[in-house]
Amino acid sequence: METRVKIDIITITNVILRKFKGVIKMHVLKGIIFALHGIISIGLIVSVLFQMSKHSELGGAFGSGALHTVFGREKGLDTLGKITLGLAIAFMVSSFLTAYALSI
């Protein structure tokens, strides 16, 4: 009798999982998208704050970067600038994915 009850519970569980398989996968996918969006957001904030340390004097706070343009404009991006650019693009893509995941 006890084994029959165990088999019935397993059978019921399997039927429920088969019925809601797509719904469970979608919730897991939404959770992954939200977590990834949060991680990208935090990374973007940190990288921008690290870049702001280059212009940390008082003029840099108000958008005056004249001190750093005395010898001409920098050509290209440094490593931190490339990381920030990549995170910004990833943030935009993940924003669209998050909005789509919320609409489903």
C-alpha atoms as a PDB file:
ATOM      1  CA  MET A   1       0.000   0.000   0.000  1.00  0.00           C
ATOM      2  CA  GLU A   2       2.811   2.368   0.897  1.00  0.00           C
ATOM      3  CA  THR A   3       4.589   1.866  -2.429  1.00  0.00           C
ATOM      4  CA  ARG A   4       1.318   2.492  -4.274  1.00  0.00           C
ATOM      5  CA  VAL A   5       0.944   5.860  -2.525  1.00  0.00           C
ATOM      6  CA  LYS A   6       4.516   6.795  -3.488  1.00  0.00           C
ATOM      7  CA  ILE A   7       3.891   5.851  -7.095  1.00  0.00           C
ATOM      8  CA  ASP A   8       0.685   7.879  -7.155  1.00  0.00           C
ATOM      9  CA  ILE A   9       2.462  10.968  -5.767  1.00  0.00           C
ATOM     10  CA  ILE A  10       5.237  10.604  -8.346  1.00  0.00           C
ATOM     11  CA  THR A  11       2.685  10.120 -11.129  1.00  0.00           C
ATOM     12  CA  ILE A  12       0.717  13.189 -10.053  1.00  0.00           C
ATOM     13  CA  THR A  13       3.909  15.235  -9.841  1.00  0.00           C
ATOM     14  CA  ASN A  14       4.955  14.129 -13.336  1.00  0.00           C
ATOM     15  CA  VAL A  15       1.547  15.008 -14.770  1.00  0.00           C
ATOM     16  CA  ILE A  16       1.683  18.462 -13.167  1.00  0.00           C
ATOM     17  CA  LEU A  17       5.218  19.072 -14.417  1.00  0.00           C
ATOM     18  CA  ARG A  18       4.304  18.011 -17.950  1.00  0.00           C
ATOM     19  CA  LYS A  19       1.264  20.267 -17.939  1.00  0.00           C
ATOM     20  CA  PHE A  20       3.097  23.343 -16.653  1.00  0.00           C
ATOM     21  CA  LYS A  21       6.461  22.629 -18.258  1.00  0.00           C
ATOM     22  CA  GLY A  22       6.361  25.671 -20.561  1.00  0.00           C
ATOM     23  CA  VAL A  23       5.148  27.982 -17.781  1.00  0.00           C
ATOM     24  CA  ILE A  24       7.915  26.876 -15.430  1.00  0.00           C
ATOM     25  CA  LYS A  25      10.539  27.336 -18.142  1.00  0.00           C
ATOM     26  CA  MET A  26       9.222  30.834 -18.883  1.00  0.00           C
ATOM     27  CA  HIS A  27       9.400  31.835 -15.206  1.00  0.00           C
ATOM     28  CA  VAL A  28      12.959  30.554 -14.976  1.00  0.00           C
ATOM     29  CA  LEU A  29      13.856  32.432 -18.160  1.00  0.00           C
ATOM     30  CA  LYS A  30      12.304  35.638 -16.791  1.00  0.00           C
ATOM     31  CA  GLY A  31      14.287  35.251 -13.561  1.00  0.00           C
ATOM     32  CA  ILE A  32      17.515  34.805 -15.510  1.00  0.00           C
ATOM     33  CA  ILE A  33      16.763  37.883 -17.647  1.00  0.00           C
ATOM     34  CA  PHE A  34      15.994  40.018 -14.569  1.00  0.00           C
ATOM     35  CA  ALA A  35      19.134  38.852 -12.758  1.00  0.00           C
ATOM     36  CA  LEU A  36      21.286  39.494 -15.824  1.00  0.00           C
ATOM     37  CA  HIS A  37      19.790  42.971 -16.207  1.00  0.00           C
ATOM     38  CA  GLY A  38      20.593  43.757 -12.569  1.00  0.00           C
ATOM     39  CA  ILE A  39      24.182  42.556 -12.909  1.00  0.00           C
ATOM     40  CA  ILE A  40      24.697  44.604 -16.084  1.00  0.00           C
ATOM     41  CA  SER A  41      23.191  47.665 -14.392  1.00  0.00           C
ATOM     42  CA  ILE A  42      25.514  47.412 -11.411  1.00  0.00           C
ATOM     43  CA  GLY A  43      28.512  46.866 -13.695  1.00  0.00           C
ATOM     44  CA  LEU A  44      27.606  49.922 -15.760  1.00  0.00           C
ATOM     45  CA  ILE A  45      27.255  52.095 -12.649  1.00  0.00           C
ATOM     46  CA  VAL A  46      30.623  50.945 -11.312  1.00  0.00           C
ATOM     47  CA  SER A  47      32.420  51.480 -14.629  1.00  0.00           C
ATOM     48  CA  VAL A  48      31.002  54.992 -15.025  1.00  0.00           C
ATOM     49  CA  LEU A  49      32.017  55.868 -11.467  1.00  0.00           C
ATOM     50  CA  PHE A  50      35.545  54.612 -12.133  1.00  0.00           C
ATOM     51  CA  GLN A  51      35.737  56.767 -15.239  1.00  0.00           C
ATOM     52  CA  MET A  52      34.579  59.821 -13.304  1.00  0.00           C
ATOM     53  CA  SER A  53      37.617  59.509 -11.036  1.00  0.00           C
ATOM     54  CA  LYS A  54      39.750  60.775 -13.936  1.00  0.00           C
ATOM     55  CA  HIS A  55      37.926  64.108 -13.782  1.00  0.00           C
ATOM     56  CA  SER A  56      37.575  64.285 -10.031  1.00  0.00           C
ATOM     57  CA  GLU A  57      38.579  67.900  -9.527  1.00  0.00           C
ATOM     58  CA  LEU A  58      35.964  70.623  -9.115  1.00  0.00           C
ATOM     59  CA  GLY A  59      35.796  71.530 -12.814  1.00  0.00           C
ATOM     60  CA  GLY A  60      35.120  67.914 -13.744  1.00  0.00           C
ATOM     61  CA  ALA A  61      32.006  67.922 -11.590  1.00  0.00           C
ATOM     62  CA  PHE A  62      30.481  70.644 -13.761  1.00  0.00           C
ATOM     63  CA  GLY A  63      31.491  69.237 -17.137  1.00  0.00           C
ATOM     64  CA  SER A  64      34.632  71.279 -17.604  1.00  0.00           C
ATOM     65  CA  GLY A  65      37.308  69.022 -18.980  1.00  0.00           C
ATOM     66  CA  ALA A  66      39.541  71.831 -20.244  1.00  0.00           C
ATOM     67  CA  LEU A  67      42.532  70.611 -18.258  1.00  0.00           C
ATOM     68  CA  HIS A  68      42.514  67.307 -20.116  1.00  0.00           C
ATOM     69  CA  THR A  69      42.216  68.884 -23.581  1.00  0.00           C
ATOM     70  CA  VAL A  70      45.275  71.142 -23.371  1.00  0.00           C
ATOM     71  CA  PHE A  71      47.368  68.780 -25.474  1.00  0.00           C
ATOM     72  CA  GLY A  72      44.557  67.763 -27.811  1.00  0.00           C
ATOM     73  CA  ARG A  73      41.697  65.344 -27.650  1.00  0.00           C
ATOM     74  CA  GLU A  74      42.388  61.722 -26.802  1.00  0.00           C
ATOM     75  CA  LYS A  75      42.079  59.407 -29.765  1.00  0.00           C
ATOM     76  CA  GLY A  76      40.154  56.202 -29.220  1.00  0.00           C
ATOM     77  CA  LEU A  77      38.972  54.645 -25.992  1.00  0.00           C
ATOM     78  CA  ASP A  78      41.009  53.220 -23.191  1.00  0.00           C
ATOM     79  CA  THR A  79      40.185  49.803 -21.745  1.00  0.00           C
ATOM     80  CA  LEU A  80      37.723  51.145 -19.187  1.00  0.00           C
ATOM     81  CA  GLY A  81      35.983  53.164 -21.899  1.00  0.00           C
ATOM     82  CA  LYS A  82      35.577  50.036 -24.036  1.00  0.00           C
ATOM     83  CA  ILE A  83      34.169  48.137 -21.050  1.00  0.00           C
ATOM     84  CA  THR A  84      31.720  50.968 -20.363  1.00  0.00           C
ATOM     85  CA  LEU A  85      30.652  51.039 -24.010  1.00  0.00           C
ATOM     86  CA  GLY A  86      30.090  47.285 -24.031  1.00  0.00           C
ATOM     87  CA  LEU A  87      28.095  47.444 -20.803  1.00  0.00           C
ATOM     88  CA  ALA A  88      25.996  50.321 -22.163  1.00  0.00           C
ATOM     89  CA  ILE A  89      25.115  48.330 -25.286  1.00  0.00           C
ATOM     90  CA  ALA A  90      24.383  45.236 -23.173  1.00  0.00           C
ATOM     91  CA  PHE A  91      22.203  47.385 -20.885  1.00  0.00           C
ATOM     92  CA  MET A  92      20.127  48.622 -23.814  1.00  0.00           C
ATOM     93  CA  VAL A  93      19.650  45.103 -25.181  1.00  0.00           C
ATOM     94  CA  SER A  94      18.769  43.719 -21.756  1.00  0.00           C
ATOM     95  CA  SER A  95      16.328  46.601 -21.240  1.00  0.00           C
ATOM     96  CA  PHE A  96      14.449  45.569 -24.371  1.00  0.00           C
ATOM     97  CA  LEU A  97      14.523  41.913 -23.308  1.00  0.00           C
ATOM     98  CA  THR A  98      13.274  42.796 -19.822  1.00  0.00           C
ATOM     99  CA  ALA A  99      10.434  44.888 -21.247  1.00  0.00           C
ATOM    100  CA  TYR A 100       9.475  42.030 -23.554  1.00  0.00           C
ATOM    101  CA  ALA A 101       9.640  39.510 -20.695  1.00  0.00           C
ATOM    102  CA  LEU A 102       7.358  41.703 -18.586  1.00  0.00           C
ATOM    103  CA  SER A 103       4.816  41.986 -21.410  1.00  0.00           C
ATOM    104  CA  ILE A 104       4.442  38.213 -21.792  1.00  0.00           C
END
